[in-house]
Amino acid sequence: MQPPLKRRLLIISVALLIQFNYSIATRVLTGGIIPKLPIDIFPLSTIWVIPYALWYLFILLAGAWLILKSDGRLFRAFAAGFILTCTLGVLTFYLFPTYIIDPELPGSDIFSKTLLFLQSMDGDYAAFPSAHIYVTVILALFFDKWFPRYRWLWLFIYIVIALSTLFTQQHYILDVIGGTLYGWLGFRFGLWWIARSLSRSTHAGVVE
């Protein structure tokens, strides 16, 4: 394994370690509020558990491409933004506790059973912001930088994932809005970070 790959794995591991606090938060937090609005009227549709669950495969494949194929400059931009996004998300989970009320599932079909399993894994807390959304947004925005001709695809993925969080009733509209904002902030921070680093390197070269 080449050193650059080791560094990439280490950087992504740091971000994932930060994000792992989501799993802890969903089990230790108490109190808080339900971030539900009057316009949260999405009916439960268990078939939407398919894209909700496939999100994990999407993240795995996107992460593998980032580590193995992306160029160094944009990888560093993504890594900086992703670490910030995960940090902001986890801090919000603990400082501003929110939770959902799991819906009663209508049957014992494969979709209901899958959703029940995901409910047991996700827990009720750490609703705002949606981690499904902020990870999707920052990935989509950076992939749009790499492959702008497929912009429609990244937008489609974002919309489907957002709808899946709402129709499975694992999140509310505010969670989606918050996740979108956090992902966008991470994206902008990553671009700023790499531009700043390049500027400092150029300045150092001129000075030398």
N, C-alpha and C. Protein backbone atom coordinates (compact mmCIF):
# COMPACT_ATOMS: atom_id res chain seq x y z
N MET A 1 0.86 -1.20 0.00
CA MET A 1 0.00 0.00 0.00
C MET A 1 0.88 1.24 0.00
N GLN A 2 0.66 2.10 -0.95
CA GLN A 2 1.47 3.30 -1.06
C GLN A 2 1.12 4.30 0.04
N PRO A 3 2.11 5.08 0.49
CA PRO A 3 1.86 6.06 1.55
C PRO A 3 0.69 7.00 1.28
N PRO A 4 0.54 7.54 0.03
CA PRO A 4 -0.61 8.44 -0.19
C PRO A 4 -1.94 7.76 0.10
N LEU A 5 -2.05 6.48 -0.26
CA LEU A 5 -3.28 5.74 0.02
C LEU A 5 -3.46 5.56 1.52
N LYS A 6 -2.37 5.32 2.22
CA LYS A 6 -2.45 5.20 3.67
C LYS A 6 -2.96 6.49 4.29
N ARG A 7 -2.45 7.60 3.79
CA ARG A 7 -2.89 8.89 4.34
C ARG A 7 -4.37 9.12 4.05
N ARG A 8 -4.79 8.75 2.87
CA ARG A 8 -6.20 8.91 2.53
C ARG A 8 -7.09 8.07 3.45
N LEU A 9 -6.68 6.83 3.65
CA LEU A 9 -7.45 5.96 4.54
C LEU A 9 -7.48 6.51 5.96
N LEU A 10 -6.37 7.06 6.41
CA LEU A 10 -6.31 7.63 7.75
C LEU A 10 -7.24 8.83 7.86
N ILE A 11 -7.22 9.70 6.86
CA ILE A 11 -8.07 10.90 6.89
C ILE A 11 -9.54 10.52 6.90
N ILE A 12 -9.93 9.59 6.02
CA ILE A 12 -11.33 9.16 5.99
C ILE A 12 -11.71 8.46 7.28
N SER A 13 -10.77 7.72 7.86
CA SER A 13 -11.04 7.05 9.14
C SER A 13 -11.33 8.05 10.25
N VAL A 14 -10.61 9.17 10.24
CA VAL A 14 -10.86 10.23 11.23
C VAL A 14 -12.28 10.75 11.09
N ALA A 15 -12.69 11.02 9.85
CA ALA A 15 -14.05 11.52 9.62
C ALA A 15 -15.09 10.50 10.06
N LEU A 16 -14.87 9.23 9.73
CA LEU A 16 -15.82 8.19 10.11
C LEU A 16 -15.86 8.00 11.62
N LEU A 17 -14.72 8.16 12.27
CA LEU A 17 -14.69 8.06 13.73
C LEU A 17 -15.52 9.17 14.36
N ILE A 18 -15.42 10.36 13.81
CA ILE A 18 -16.25 11.48 14.29
C ILE A 18 -17.72 11.16 14.06
N GLN A 19 -18.05 10.68 12.85
CA GLN A 19 -19.43 10.38 12.51
C GLN A 19 -19.99 9.24 13.33
N PHE A 20 -19.12 8.34 13.81
CA PHE A 20 -19.57 7.21 14.63
C PHE A 20 -20.28 7.67 15.88
N ASN A 21 -20.00 8.89 16.31
CA ASN A 21 -20.68 9.43 17.48
C ASN A 21 -22.18 9.53 17.27
N TYR A 22 -22.62 9.51 16.00
CA TYR A 22 -24.06 9.47 15.70
C TYR A 22 -24.69 8.24 16.34
N SER A 23 -24.03 7.09 16.17
CA SER A 23 -24.56 5.84 16.72
C SER A 23 -24.63 5.89 18.24
N ILE A 24 -23.66 6.56 18.85
CA ILE A 24 -23.68 6.70 20.31
C ILE A 24 -24.79 7.64 20.73
N ALA A 25 -24.92 8.75 20.01
CA ALA A 25 -25.93 9.76 20.36
C ALA A 25 -27.33 9.19 20.34
N THR A 26 -27.62 8.34 19.35
CA THR A 26 -28.98 7.80 19.23
C THR A 26 -29.36 6.91 20.41
N ARG A 27 -28.37 6.50 21.20
CA ARG A 27 -28.64 5.58 22.30
C ARG A 27 -28.47 6.20 23.68
N VAL A 28 -27.76 7.30 23.76
CA VAL A 28 -27.52 7.88 25.09
C VAL A 28 -28.28 9.18 25.34
N LEU A 29 -28.74 9.84 24.28
CA LEU A 29 -29.40 11.13 24.47
C LEU A 29 -30.80 10.96 25.05
N THR A 30 -31.20 11.96 25.81
CA THR A 30 -32.55 12.01 26.36
C THR A 30 -33.07 13.44 26.22
N GLY A 31 -34.35 13.62 26.45
CA GLY A 31 -34.93 14.95 26.35
C GLY A 31 -34.98 15.41 24.91
N GLY A 32 -34.86 16.72 24.72
CA GLY A 32 -34.85 17.26 23.37
C GLY A 32 -36.24 17.50 22.82
N ILE A 33 -36.31 17.76 21.52
CA ILE A 33 -37.58 18.09 20.88
C ILE A 33 -37.78 17.24 19.63
N ILE A 34 -39.01 17.21 19.17
CA ILE A 34 -39.35 16.59 17.89
C ILE A 34 -39.40 17.70 16.85
N PRO A 35 -38.49 17.73 15.88
CA PRO A 35 -38.43 18.84 14.92
C PRO A 35 -39.48 18.71 13.80
N LYS A 36 -40.71 18.51 14.19
CA LYS A 36 -41.78 18.28 13.22
C LYS A 36 -42.57 19.55 12.98
N LEU A 37 -42.84 19.85 11.71
CA LEU A 37 -43.59 21.02 11.32
C LEU A 37 -45.00 20.63 10.88
N PRO A 38 -45.94 21.58 10.86
CA PRO A 38 -47.29 21.28 10.37
C PRO A 38 -47.30 20.75 8.93
N ILE A 39 -46.27 21.09 8.15
CA ILE A 39 -46.23 20.64 6.76
C ILE A 39 -45.60 19.26 6.62
N ASP A 40 -45.23 18.64 7.72
CA ASP A 40 -44.71 17.27 7.67
C ASP A 40 -45.88 16.31 7.55
N ILE A 41 -46.36 16.15 6.33
CA ILE A 41 -47.56 15.34 6.10
C ILE A 41 -47.27 14.16 5.16
N PHE A 42 -46.01 13.79 5.04
CA PHE A 42 -45.66 12.69 4.16
C PHE A 42 -46.18 11.38 4.73
N PRO A 43 -46.99 10.64 3.97
CA PRO A 43 -47.50 9.37 4.47
C PRO A 43 -46.41 8.30 4.48
N LEU A 44 -46.53 7.36 5.39
CA LEU A 44 -45.57 6.27 5.44
C LEU A 44 -45.72 5.39 4.20
N SER A 45 -44.60 5.14 3.53
CA SER A 45 -44.59 4.25 2.37
C SER A 45 -43.34 3.39 2.48
N THR A 46 -43.52 2.16 2.92
CA THR A 46 -42.36 1.33 3.26
C THR A 46 -41.50 0.97 2.05
N ILE A 47 -42.04 1.08 0.84
CA ILE A 47 -41.22 0.75 -0.33
C ILE A 47 -40.04 1.72 -0.48
N TRP A 48 -40.18 2.91 0.14
CA TRP A 48 -39.09 3.88 0.09
C TRP A 48 -37.90 3.47 0.94
N VAL A 49 -38.04 2.35 1.66
CA VAL A 49 -36.89 1.84 2.41
C VAL A 49 -35.81 1.35 1.44
N ILE A 50 -36.19 1.06 0.20
CA ILE A 50 -35.20 0.58 -0.78
C ILE A 50 -34.11 1.63 -1.02
N PRO A 51 -34.45 2.85 -1.47
CA PRO A 51 -33.37 3.84 -1.63
C PRO A 51 -32.75 4.25 -0.31
N TYR A 52 -33.55 4.22 0.78
CA TYR A 52 -33.01 4.58 2.09
C TYR A 52 -31.89 3.61 2.48
N ALA A 53 -32.11 2.32 2.22
CA ALA A 53 -31.10 1.31 2.56
C ALA A 53 -29.96 1.29 1.54
N LEU A 54 -30.28 1.52 0.26
CA LEU A 54 -29.24 1.53 -0.77
C LEU A 54 -28.27 2.69 -0.60
N TRP A 55 -28.66 3.67 0.21
CA TRP A 55 -27.76 4.79 0.51
C TRP A 55 -26.43 4.28 1.05
N TYR A 56 -26.47 3.23 1.86
CA TYR A 56 -25.24 2.71 2.45
C TYR A 56 -24.31 2.16 1.36
N LEU A 57 -24.88 1.51 0.35
CA LEU A 57 -24.06 1.03 -0.77
C LEU A 57 -23.51 2.20 -1.57
N PHE A 58 -24.33 3.22 -1.77
CA PHE A 58 -23.90 4.42 -2.49
C PHE A 58 -22.70 5.06 -1.78
N ILE A 59 -22.78 5.16 -0.47
CA ILE A 59 -21.69 5.76 0.31
C ILE A 59 -20.43 4.92 0.20
N LEU A 60 -20.59 3.61 0.26
CA LEU A 60 -19.44 2.71 0.17
C LEU A 60 -18.73 2.85 -1.18
N LEU A 61 -19.51 2.85 -2.26
CA LEU A 61 -18.92 2.97 -3.60
C LEU A 61 -18.30 4.34 -3.82
N ALA A 62 -19.01 5.38 -3.39
CA ALA A 62 -18.48 6.74 -3.55
C ALA A 62 -17.20 6.92 -2.75
N GLY A 63 -17.19 6.38 -1.53
CA GLY A 63 -16.00 6.48 -0.70
C GLY A 63 -14.82 5.74 -1.29
N ALA A 64 -15.08 4.56 -1.86
CA ALA A 64 -14.00 3.79 -2.49
C ALA A 64 -13.41 4.56 -3.67
N TRP A 65 -14.28 5.19 -4.47
CA TRP A 65 -13.77 5.97 -5.60
C TRP A 65 -12.94 7.15 -5.12
N LEU A 66 -13.43 7.82 -4.09
CA LEU A 66 -12.70 8.97 -3.55
C LEU A 66 -11.29 8.58 -3.11
N ILE A 67 -11.20 7.47 -2.41
CA ILE A 67 -9.92 7.04 -1.87
C ILE A 67 -8.97 6.56 -2.96
N LEU A 68 -9.51 5.85 -3.94
CA LEU A 68 -8.66 5.20 -4.93
C LEU A 68 -8.42 6.00 -6.20
N LYS A 69 -9.37 6.86 -6.57
CA LYS A 69 -9.32 7.46 -7.90
C LYS A 69 -9.23 8.99 -7.94
N SER A 70 -9.72 9.67 -6.94
CA SER A 70 -9.80 11.13 -7.02
C SER A 70 -8.41 11.76 -6.98
N ASP A 71 -8.27 12.93 -7.62
CA ASP A 71 -6.97 13.60 -7.60
C ASP A 71 -6.72 14.22 -6.23
N GLY A 72 -5.45 14.46 -5.94
CA GLY A 72 -5.06 14.88 -4.60
C GLY A 72 -5.69 16.17 -4.14
N ARG A 73 -5.79 17.15 -5.04
CA ARG A 73 -6.30 18.46 -4.64
C ARG A 73 -7.76 18.38 -4.22
N LEU A 74 -8.58 17.75 -5.04
CA LEU A 74 -10.00 17.68 -4.71
C LEU A 74 -10.26 16.70 -3.57
N PHE A 75 -9.41 15.68 -3.43
CA PHE A 75 -9.58 14.79 -2.28
C PHE A 75 -9.35 15.56 -0.99
N ARG A 76 -8.31 16.39 -0.96
CA ARG A 76 -8.05 17.17 0.25
C ARG A 76 -9.19 18.15 0.53
N ALA A 77 -9.74 18.72 -0.52
CA ALA A 77 -10.88 19.63 -0.34
C ALA A 77 -12.07 18.87 0.23
N PHE A 78 -12.34 17.69 -0.33
CA PHE A 78 -13.45 16.88 0.19
C PHE A 78 -13.21 16.48 1.63
N ALA A 79 -12.00 16.02 1.93
CA ALA A 79 -11.69 15.55 3.28
C ALA A 79 -11.88 16.65 4.31
N ALA A 80 -11.40 17.86 4.00
CA ALA A 80 -11.56 18.98 4.93
C ALA A 80 -13.04 19.30 5.13
N GLY A 81 -13.79 19.33 4.04
CA GLY A 81 -15.22 19.63 4.14
C GLY A 81 -15.99 18.54 4.85
N PHE A 82 -15.65 17.29 4.58
CA PHE A 82 -16.36 16.17 5.19
C PHE A 82 -16.12 16.12 6.69
N ILE A 83 -14.88 16.35 7.11
CA ILE A 83 -14.59 16.36 8.54
C ILE A 83 -15.36 17.47 9.24
N LEU A 84 -15.41 18.66 8.62
CA LEU A 84 -16.17 19.76 9.21
C LEU A 84 -17.65 19.41 9.29
N THR A 85 -18.20 18.86 8.21
CA THR A 85 -19.62 18.53 8.19
C THR A 85 -19.97 17.52 9.27
N CYS A 86 -19.18 16.46 9.38
CA CYS A 86 -19.43 15.44 10.41
C CYS A 86 -19.31 16.04 11.81
N THR A 87 -18.33 16.90 12.00
CA THR A 87 -18.14 17.54 13.31
C THR A 87 -19.33 18.41 13.67
N LEU A 88 -19.77 19.23 12.73
CA LEU A 88 -20.94 20.08 12.98
C LEU A 88 -22.18 19.24 13.27
N GLY A 89 -22.34 18.17 12.50
CA GLY A 89 -23.49 17.30 12.71
C GLY A 89 -23.50 16.68 14.09
N VAL A 90 -22.36 16.12 14.49
CA VAL A 90 -22.28 15.47 15.80
C VAL A 90 -22.46 16.47 16.94
N LEU A 91 -21.85 17.65 16.82
CA LEU A 91 -22.04 18.68 17.85
C LEU A 91 -23.51 19.06 17.98
N THR A 92 -24.20 19.15 16.85
CA THR A 92 -25.63 19.48 16.90
C THR A 92 -26.42 18.37 17.57
N PHE A 93 -26.08 17.12 17.27
CA PHE A 93 -26.78 16.00 17.90
C PHE A 93 -26.75 16.11 19.42
N TYR A 94 -25.58 16.47 19.96
CA TYR A 94 -25.42 16.49 21.42
C TYR A 94 -25.89 17.80 22.06
N LEU A 95 -25.66 18.92 21.39
CA LEU A 95 -26.00 20.22 21.97
C LEU A 95 -27.46 20.60 21.74
N PHE A 96 -28.07 20.03 20.72
CA PHE A 96 -29.46 20.34 20.39
C PHE A 96 -30.18 19.03 20.10
N PRO A 97 -30.47 18.24 21.15
CA PRO A 97 -31.04 16.91 20.94
C PRO A 97 -32.41 16.95 20.26
N THR A 98 -32.56 16.11 19.27
CA THR A 98 -33.84 15.97 18.57
C THR A 98 -34.13 14.49 18.36
N TYR A 99 -35.39 14.17 18.25
CA TYR A 99 -35.74 12.76 18.04
C TYR A 99 -37.00 12.65 17.19
N ILE A 100 -37.22 11.47 16.67
CA ILE A 100 -38.41 11.19 15.89
C ILE A 100 -39.30 10.21 16.66
N ILE A 101 -40.53 10.12 16.25
CA ILE A 101 -41.43 9.09 16.75
C ILE A 101 -41.58 8.06 15.64
N ASP A 102 -41.09 6.86 15.87
CA ASP A 102 -41.15 5.84 14.84
C ASP A 102 -42.60 5.51 14.50
N PRO A 103 -42.90 5.41 13.21
CA PRO A 103 -44.27 5.07 12.81
C PRO A 103 -44.58 3.60 13.07
N GLU A 104 -45.84 3.30 13.25
CA GLU A 104 -46.25 1.90 13.34
C GLU A 104 -46.24 1.32 11.94
N LEU A 105 -45.58 0.19 11.79
CA LEU A 105 -45.45 -0.41 10.46
C LEU A 105 -46.68 -1.25 10.14
N PRO A 106 -47.16 -1.15 8.89
CA PRO A 106 -48.47 -1.71 8.55
C PRO A 106 -48.51 -3.21 8.37
N GLY A 107 -47.38 -3.86 8.17
CA GLY A 107 -47.43 -5.28 7.88
C GLY A 107 -46.13 -5.98 8.20
N SER A 108 -46.01 -7.21 7.69
CA SER A 108 -44.80 -8.01 7.93
C SER A 108 -44.11 -8.36 6.62
N ASP A 109 -44.33 -7.53 5.59
CA ASP A 109 -43.67 -7.75 4.31
C ASP A 109 -42.19 -7.40 4.42
N ILE A 110 -41.46 -7.68 3.35
CA ILE A 110 -40.01 -7.49 3.37
C ILE A 110 -39.63 -6.03 3.57
N PHE A 111 -40.44 -5.11 3.03
CA PHE A 111 -40.13 -3.69 3.19
C PHE A 111 -40.31 -3.24 4.64
N SER A 112 -41.40 -3.70 5.25
CA SER A 112 -41.66 -3.35 6.65
C SER A 112 -40.59 -3.95 7.56
N LYS A 113 -40.20 -5.18 7.29
CA LYS A 113 -39.17 -5.83 8.11
C LYS A 113 -37.82 -5.12 7.98
N THR A 114 -37.52 -4.71 6.76
CA THR A 114 -36.26 -3.99 6.54
C THR A 114 -36.27 -2.65 7.27
N LEU A 115 -37.40 -1.94 7.18
CA LEU A 115 -37.51 -0.65 7.86
C LEU A 115 -37.44 -0.84 9.37
N LEU A 116 -38.07 -1.89 9.88
CA LEU A 116 -38.01 -2.16 11.31
C LEU A 116 -36.58 -2.41 11.75
N PHE A 117 -35.83 -3.14 10.94
CA PHE A 117 -34.42 -3.39 11.26
C PHE A 117 -33.63 -2.09 11.28
N LEU A 118 -33.85 -1.24 10.28
CA LEU A 118 -33.13 0.04 10.23
C LEU A 118 -33.53 0.94 11.39
N GLN A 119 -34.79 0.88 11.80
CA GLN A 119 -35.22 1.65 12.97
C GLN A 119 -34.44 1.22 14.21
N SER A 120 -34.26 -0.09 14.35
CA SER A 120 -33.53 -0.59 15.52
C SER A 120 -32.06 -0.19 15.47
N MET A 121 -31.51 -0.06 14.27
CA MET A 121 -30.11 0.34 14.12
C MET A 121 -29.93 1.84 14.31
N ASP A 122 -30.84 2.62 13.75
CA ASP A 122 -30.70 4.08 13.77
C ASP A 122 -31.05 4.69 15.12
N GLY A 123 -31.99 4.09 15.84
CA GLY A 123 -32.47 4.72 17.07
C GLY A 123 -33.39 5.88 16.75
N ASP A 124 -33.84 6.55 17.79
CA ASP A 124 -34.80 7.65 17.62
C ASP A 124 -34.15 9.02 17.63
N TYR A 125 -32.96 9.13 18.24
CA TYR A 125 -32.34 10.45 18.41
C TYR A 125 -31.42 10.79 17.24
N ALA A 126 -30.82 12.00 17.33
CA ALA A 126 -29.93 12.52 16.28
C ALA A 126 -30.68 12.66 14.96
N ALA A 127 -31.89 13.24 15.06
CA ALA A 127 -32.72 13.43 13.86
C ALA A 127 -32.23 14.62 13.04
N PHE A 128 -31.91 15.72 13.73
CA PHE A 128 -31.50 16.96 13.04
C PHE A 128 -30.02 17.23 13.28
N PRO A 129 -29.25 17.43 12.23
CA PRO A 129 -29.60 17.33 10.81
C PRO A 129 -29.53 15.88 10.35
N SER A 130 -30.15 15.56 9.23
CA SER A 130 -30.11 14.20 8.71
C SER A 130 -28.72 13.87 8.18
N ALA A 131 -28.11 12.83 8.76
CA ALA A 131 -26.80 12.39 8.27
C ALA A 131 -26.92 11.82 6.85
N HIS A 132 -28.04 11.15 6.56
CA HIS A 132 -28.27 10.69 5.20
C HIS A 132 -28.13 11.85 4.21
N ILE A 133 -28.68 12.99 4.60
CA ILE A 133 -28.71 14.13 3.69
C ILE A 133 -27.37 14.84 3.63
N TYR A 134 -26.75 15.13 4.77
CA TYR A 134 -25.52 15.92 4.67
C TYR A 134 -24.38 15.15 4.02
N VAL A 135 -24.35 13.83 4.20
CA VAL A 135 -23.33 13.05 3.50
C VAL A 135 -23.63 13.02 2.00
N THR A 136 -24.90 12.84 1.65
CA THR A 136 -25.29 12.83 0.24
C THR A 136 -24.98 14.16 -0.43
N VAL A 137 -25.29 15.26 0.23
CA VAL A 137 -25.10 16.59 -0.36
C VAL A 137 -23.62 16.87 -0.60
N ILE A 138 -22.78 16.63 0.37
CA ILE A 138 -21.36 16.96 0.17
C ILE A 138 -20.74 16.06 -0.89
N LEU A 139 -21.16 14.79 -0.93
CA LEU A 139 -20.67 13.92 -1.99
C LEU A 139 -21.16 14.38 -3.36
N ALA A 140 -22.45 14.71 -3.45
CA ALA A 140 -23.02 15.13 -4.73
C ALA A 140 -22.35 16.40 -5.24
N LEU A 141 -22.10 17.34 -4.35
CA LEU A 141 -21.49 18.61 -4.77
C LEU A 141 -20.05 18.41 -5.25
N PHE A 142 -19.31 17.56 -4.55
CA PHE A 142 -17.94 17.33 -5.00
C PHE A 142 -17.90 16.48 -6.26
N PHE A 143 -18.79 15.49 -6.37
CA PHE A 143 -18.83 14.71 -7.60
C PHE A 143 -19.26 15.57 -8.78
N ASP A 144 -20.09 16.57 -8.52
CA ASP A 144 -20.44 17.52 -9.57
C ASP A 144 -19.21 18.29 -10.04
N LYS A 145 -18.29 18.55 -9.12
CA LYS A 145 -17.03 19.20 -9.50
C LYS A 145 -16.19 18.29 -10.41
N TRP A 146 -16.19 17.00 -10.08
CA TRP A 146 -15.39 16.06 -10.85
C TRP A 146 -16.05 15.69 -12.18
N PHE A 147 -17.38 15.51 -12.13
CA PHE A 147 -18.12 15.06 -13.31
C PHE A 147 -19.32 15.96 -13.55
N PRO A 148 -19.11 17.20 -13.97
CA PRO A 148 -20.21 18.16 -14.13
C PRO A 148 -21.25 17.75 -15.17
N ARG A 149 -20.86 16.91 -16.12
CA ARG A 149 -21.82 16.50 -17.14
C ARG A 149 -22.92 15.61 -16.57
N TYR A 150 -22.68 15.05 -15.38
CA TYR A 150 -23.68 14.20 -14.73
C TYR A 150 -24.39 14.92 -13.59
N ARG A 151 -24.45 16.23 -13.68
CA ARG A 151 -25.08 17.02 -12.61
C ARG A 151 -26.51 16.56 -12.33
N TRP A 152 -27.23 16.24 -13.37
CA TRP A 152 -28.62 15.79 -13.20
C TRP A 152 -28.68 14.52 -12.35
N LEU A 153 -27.66 13.66 -12.48
CA LEU A 153 -27.64 12.40 -11.72
C LEU A 153 -27.46 12.68 -10.24
N TRP A 154 -26.54 13.60 -9.90
CA TRP A 154 -26.32 13.91 -8.48
C TRP A 154 -27.56 14.56 -7.88
N LEU A 155 -28.24 15.41 -8.67
CA LEU A 155 -29.48 16.02 -8.19
C LEU A 155 -30.56 14.96 -7.99
N PHE A 156 -30.65 14.02 -8.92
CA PHE A 156 -31.63 12.94 -8.81
C PHE A 156 -31.38 12.12 -7.55
N ILE A 157 -30.12 11.75 -7.31
CA ILE A 157 -29.78 10.97 -6.12
C ILE A 157 -30.16 11.73 -4.85
N TYR A 158 -29.87 13.02 -4.82
CA TYR A 158 -30.22 13.84 -3.65
C TYR A 158 -31.73 13.84 -3.42
N ILE A 159 -32.50 14.04 -4.47
CA ILE A 159 -33.96 14.10 -4.33
C ILE A 159 -34.51 12.76 -3.85
N VAL A 160 -34.03 11.67 -4.43
CA VAL A 160 -34.53 10.35 -4.04
C VAL A 160 -34.19 10.04 -2.58
N ILE A 161 -32.96 10.33 -2.17
CA ILE A 161 -32.57 10.08 -0.78
C ILE A 161 -33.39 10.95 0.17
N ALA A 162 -33.58 12.22 -0.19
CA ALA A 162 -34.38 13.12 0.65
C ALA A 162 -35.80 12.59 0.80
N LEU A 163 -36.41 12.19 -0.31
CA LEU A 163 -37.78 11.65 -0.24
C LEU A 163 -37.82 10.36 0.56
N SER A 164 -36.78 9.54 0.45
CA SER A 164 -36.77 8.28 1.20
C SER A 164 -36.74 8.52 2.70
N THR A 165 -36.04 9.56 3.14
CA THR A 165 -36.01 9.85 4.58
C THR A 165 -37.38 10.33 5.07
N LEU A 166 -38.14 10.99 4.18
CA LEU A 166 -39.44 11.52 4.56
C LEU A 166 -40.54 10.47 4.48
N PHE A 167 -40.53 9.66 3.42
CA PHE A 167 -41.59 8.66 3.24
C PHE A 167 -41.40 7.43 4.14
N THR A 168 -40.18 7.21 4.64
CA THR A 168 -39.98 6.18 5.66
C THR A 168 -40.22 6.75 7.05
N GLN A 169 -40.41 8.06 7.12
CA GLN A 169 -40.64 8.79 8.37
C GLN A 169 -39.50 8.60 9.37
N GLN A 170 -38.30 8.51 8.81
CA GLN A 170 -37.10 8.49 9.65
C GLN A 170 -36.57 9.90 9.90
N HIS A 171 -37.11 10.85 9.15
CA HIS A 171 -36.73 12.26 9.33
C HIS A 171 -37.91 13.15 8.99
N TYR A 172 -37.77 14.41 9.41
CA TYR A 172 -38.76 15.43 9.08
C TYR A 172 -38.14 16.45 8.12
N ILE A 173 -38.97 17.35 7.65
CA ILE A 173 -38.51 18.33 6.65
C ILE A 173 -37.35 19.16 7.18
N LEU A 174 -37.42 19.59 8.44
CA LEU A 174 -36.33 20.38 9.00
C LEU A 174 -35.01 19.61 9.01
N ASP A 175 -35.08 18.31 9.22
CA ASP A 175 -33.87 17.49 9.20
C ASP A 175 -33.23 17.50 7.82
N VAL A 176 -34.08 17.44 6.79
CA VAL A 176 -33.58 17.47 5.41
C VAL A 176 -32.97 18.83 5.09
N ILE A 177 -33.66 19.89 5.51
CA ILE A 177 -33.13 21.24 5.28
C ILE A 177 -31.80 21.43 6.00
N GLY A 178 -31.75 21.00 7.26
CA GLY A 178 -30.51 21.12 8.03
C GLY A 178 -29.38 20.31 7.42
N GLY A 179 -29.68 19.08 7.00
CA GLY A 179 -28.66 18.25 6.37
C GLY A 179 -28.14 18.86 5.08
N THR A 180 -29.05 19.45 4.30
CA THR A 180 -28.64 20.12 3.06
C THR A 180 -27.71 21.29 3.36
N LEU A 181 -28.06 22.08 4.35
CA LEU A 181 -27.23 23.23 4.73
C LEU A 181 -25.86 22.79 5.23
N TYR A 182 -25.82 21.78 6.08
CA TYR A 182 -24.55 21.31 6.63
C TYR A 182 -23.65 20.76 5.52
N GLY A 183 -24.24 19.99 4.60
CA GLY A 183 -23.46 19.45 3.49
C GLY A 183 -22.91 20.55 2.60
N TRP A 184 -23.73 21.57 2.34
CA TRP A 184 -23.28 22.70 1.51
C TRP A 184 -22.17 23.47 2.21
N LEU A 185 -22.31 23.69 3.52
CA LEU A 185 -21.26 24.39 4.27
C LEU A 185 -19.94 23.62 4.21
N GLY A 186 -20.02 22.30 4.35
CA GLY A 186 -18.81 21.50 4.25
C GLY A 186 -18.17 21.60 2.88
N PHE A 187 -18.99 21.60 1.84
CA PHE A 187 -18.49 21.75 0.47
C PHE A 187 -17.78 23.09 0.29
N ARG A 188 -18.42 24.16 0.73
CA ARG A 188 -17.81 25.48 0.58
C ARG A 188 -16.53 25.60 1.40
N PHE A 189 -16.53 25.01 2.60
CA PHE A 189 -15.33 25.05 3.44
C PHE A 189 -14.20 24.29 2.77
N GLY A 190 -14.50 23.14 2.19
CA GLY A 190 -13.47 22.35 1.52
C GLY A 190 -12.83 23.10 0.38
N LEU A 191 -13.66 23.79 -0.42
CA LEU A 191 -13.11 24.59 -1.52
C LEU A 191 -12.25 25.74 -1.00
N TRP A 192 -12.73 26.37 0.07
CA TRP A 192 -11.95 27.47 0.67
C TRP A 192 -10.63 26.94 1.22
N TRP A 193 -10.67 25.79 1.86
CA TRP A 193 -9.48 25.22 2.47
C TRP A 193 -8.40 24.94 1.44
N ILE A 194 -8.79 24.31 0.33
CA ILE A 194 -7.78 23.96 -0.67
C ILE A 194 -7.29 25.21 -1.39
N ALA A 195 -8.16 26.20 -1.62
CA ALA A 195 -7.73 27.45 -2.25
C ALA A 195 -6.74 28.17 -1.35
N ARG A 196 -7.01 28.14 -0.05
CA ARG A 196 -6.11 28.78 0.92
C ARG A 196 -4.76 28.06 0.93
N SER A 197 -4.79 26.74 0.91
CA SER A 197 -3.55 25.97 0.93
C SER A 197 -2.72 26.22 -0.32
N LEU A 198 -3.39 26.28 -1.47
CA LEU A 198 -2.67 26.54 -2.72
C LEU A 198 -2.08 27.94 -2.74
N SER A 199 -2.84 28.90 -2.19
CA SER A 199 -2.37 30.27 -2.14
C SER A 199 -1.13 30.39 -1.27
N ARG A 200 -1.14 29.71 -0.13
CA ARG A 200 0.01 29.75 0.77
C ARG A 200 1.22 29.08 0.14
N SER A 201 0.98 27.97 -0.59
CA SER A 201 2.09 27.28 -1.24
C SER A 201 2.71 28.15 -2.33
N THR A 202 1.83 28.81 -3.10
CA THR A 202 2.32 29.70 -4.16
C THR A 202 3.11 30.86 -3.58
N HIS A 203 2.58 31.42 -2.50
CA HIS A 203 3.26 32.55 -1.85
C HIS A 203 4.61 32.12 -1.31
N ALA A 204 4.66 30.92 -0.71
CA ALA A 204 5.93 30.43 -0.17
C ALA A 204 6.94 30.23 -1.29
N GLY A 205 6.46 29.74 -2.46
CA GLY A 205 7.36 29.55 -3.58
C GLY A 205 7.91 30.86 -4.11
N VAL A 206 7.08 31.90 -4.13
CA VAL A 206 7.52 33.21 -4.59
C VAL A 206 8.56 33.78 -3.64
N VAL A 207 8.31 33.62 -2.35
CA VAL A 207 9.24 34.14 -1.34
C VAL A 207 10.59 33.46 -1.46
N GLU A 208 10.55 32.15 -1.68
CA GLU A 208 11.81 31.42 -1.81
C GLU A 208 12.56 31.84 -3.06
